[in-house]
Amino acid sequence: MNSLTDVSPVLIPIIALLVPIVAIISSAILKIMRLQLLHETVRQLSANGQPIPSELINKLVDTKSN
């Protein structure tokens, strides 16, 4: 028999369960990367002595509370 037809009843549910897991992990990674970029921006602004916009601080506070 064809090995793909033997494996497909097991493979389809595994793939169906992996799709949401990958989506959750990728959204978490994207959120972490965005937060790191915001922190780097704040660090650069403070290192240069420039004022940090309140919108940027609000984004940092809002993303950490979620």
C-alpha atoms as a PDB file:
ATOM      1  CA  MET A   1       0.000   0.000   0.000  1.00  0.00           C
ATOM      2  CA  ASN A   2       0.917   3.606  -0.314  1.00  0.00           C
ATOM      3  CA  SER A   3       2.649   4.884   2.806  1.00  0.00           C
ATOM      4  CA  LEU A   4       1.012   8.329   2.485  1.00  0.00           C
ATOM      5  CA  THR A   5      -2.476   6.854   2.737  1.00  0.00           C
ATOM      6  CA  ASP A   6      -1.405   4.915   5.828  1.00  0.00           C
ATOM      7  CA  VAL A   7      -0.002   7.989   7.569  1.00  0.00           C
ATOM      8  CA  SER A   8      -2.604  10.585   6.524  1.00  0.00           C
ATOM      9  CA  PRO A   9      -5.218   9.689   9.197  1.00  0.00           C
ATOM     10  CA  VAL A  10      -2.615  10.496  11.839  1.00  0.00           C
ATOM     11  CA  LEU A  11      -0.862  13.323  10.014  1.00  0.00           C
ATOM     12  CA  ILE A  12      -3.939  15.489   9.343  1.00  0.00           C
ATOM     13  CA  PRO A  13      -4.952  15.935  13.026  1.00  0.00           C
ATOM     14  CA  ILE A  14      -1.345  16.607  13.999  1.00  0.00           C
ATOM     15  CA  ILE A  15      -1.077  19.350  11.380  1.00  0.00           C
ATOM     16  CA  ALA A  16      -4.462  20.731  12.436  1.00  0.00           C
ATOM     17  CA  LEU A  17      -3.209  21.027  16.015  1.00  0.00           C
ATOM     18  CA  LEU A  18       0.132  22.523  15.026  1.00  0.00           C
ATOM     19  CA  VAL A  19      -1.360  25.428  13.042  1.00  0.00           C
ATOM     20  CA  PRO A  20      -2.808  27.278  16.081  1.00  0.00           C
ATOM     21  CA  ILE A  21       0.294  26.513  18.133  1.00  0.00           C
ATOM     22  CA  VAL A  22       2.521  28.042  15.460  1.00  0.00           C
ATOM     23  CA  ALA A  23       0.207  31.065  15.238  1.00  0.00           C
ATOM     24  CA  ILE A  24       0.376  31.650  18.995  1.00  0.00           C
ATOM     25  CA  ILE A  25       4.152  31.270  19.110  1.00  0.00           C
ATOM     26  CA  SER A  26       4.697  33.559  16.130  1.00  0.00           C
ATOM     27  CA  SER A  27       2.451  36.268  17.584  1.00  0.00           C
ATOM     28  CA  ALA A  28       4.347  36.071  20.879  1.00  0.00           C
ATOM     29  CA  ILE A  29       7.678  36.351  19.076  1.00  0.00           C
ATOM     30  CA  LEU A  30       6.462  39.354  17.081  1.00  0.00           C
ATOM     31  CA  LYS A  31       5.236  41.041  20.273  1.00  0.00           C
ATOM     32  CA  ILE A  32       8.598  40.461  21.964  1.00  0.00           C
ATOM     33  CA  MET A  33      10.506  41.825  18.962  1.00  0.00           C
ATOM     34  CA  ARG A  34       8.279  44.928  18.852  1.00  0.00           C
ATOM     35  CA  LEU A  35       8.826  45.540  22.553  1.00  0.00           C
ATOM     36  CA  GLN A  36      12.597  45.193  22.119  1.00  0.00           C
ATOM     37  CA  LEU A  37      12.531  47.765  19.320  1.00  0.00           C
ATOM     38  CA  LEU A  38      10.540  50.171  21.487  1.00  0.00           C
ATOM     39  CA  HIS A  39      13.007  49.736  24.353  1.00  0.00           C
ATOM     40  CA  GLU A  40      15.942  50.302  22.004  1.00  0.00           C
ATOM     41  CA  THR A  41      14.303  53.499  20.745  1.00  0.00           C
ATOM     42  CA  VAL A  42      13.813  54.768  24.296  1.00  0.00           C
ATOM     43  CA  ARG A  43      17.399  53.888  25.130  1.00  0.00           C
ATOM     44  CA  GLN A  44      18.733  55.765  22.097  1.00  0.00           C
ATOM     45  CA  LEU A  45      16.567  58.803  22.828  1.00  0.00           C
ATOM     46  CA  SER A  46      17.701  58.951  26.446  1.00  0.00           C
ATOM     47  CA  ALA A  47      21.348  58.412  25.472  1.00  0.00           C
ATOM     48  CA  ASN A  48      21.144  61.379  23.103  1.00  0.00           C
ATOM     49  CA  GLY A  49      19.419  63.551  25.719  1.00  0.00           C
ATOM     50  CA  GLN A  50      16.247  63.890  23.683  1.00  0.00           C
ATOM     51  CA  PRO A  51      12.841  63.909  25.347  1.00  0.00           C
ATOM     52  CA  ILE A  52      10.858  60.683  25.164  1.00  0.00           C
ATOM     53  CA  PRO A  53       7.406  61.262  23.623  1.00  0.00           C
ATOM     54  CA  SER A  54       4.498  60.380  25.882  1.00  0.00           C
ATOM     55  CA  GLU A  55       2.948  58.290  23.077  1.00  0.00           C
ATOM     56  CA  LEU A  56       6.004  56.048  23.114  1.00  0.00           C
ATOM     57  CA  ILE A  57       5.850  55.637  26.881  1.00  0.00           C
ATOM     58  CA  ASN A  58       2.133  54.847  26.652  1.00  0.00           C
ATOM     59  CA  LYS A  59       2.854  52.149  24.049  1.00  0.00           C
ATOM     60  CA  LEU A  60       5.439  50.579  26.350  1.00  0.00           C
ATOM     61  CA  VAL A  61       3.084  50.611  29.327  1.00  0.00           C
ATOM     62  CA  ASP A  62       0.135  49.294  27.297  1.00  0.00           C
ATOM     63  CA  THR A  63       2.098  46.425  25.729  1.00  0.00           C
ATOM     64  CA  LYS A  64       3.505  45.307  29.081  1.00  0.00           C
ATOM     65  CA  SER A  65       0.098  45.288  30.774  1.00  0.00           C
ATOM     66  CA  ASN A  66      -1.438  43.010  28.088  1.00  0.00           C
END
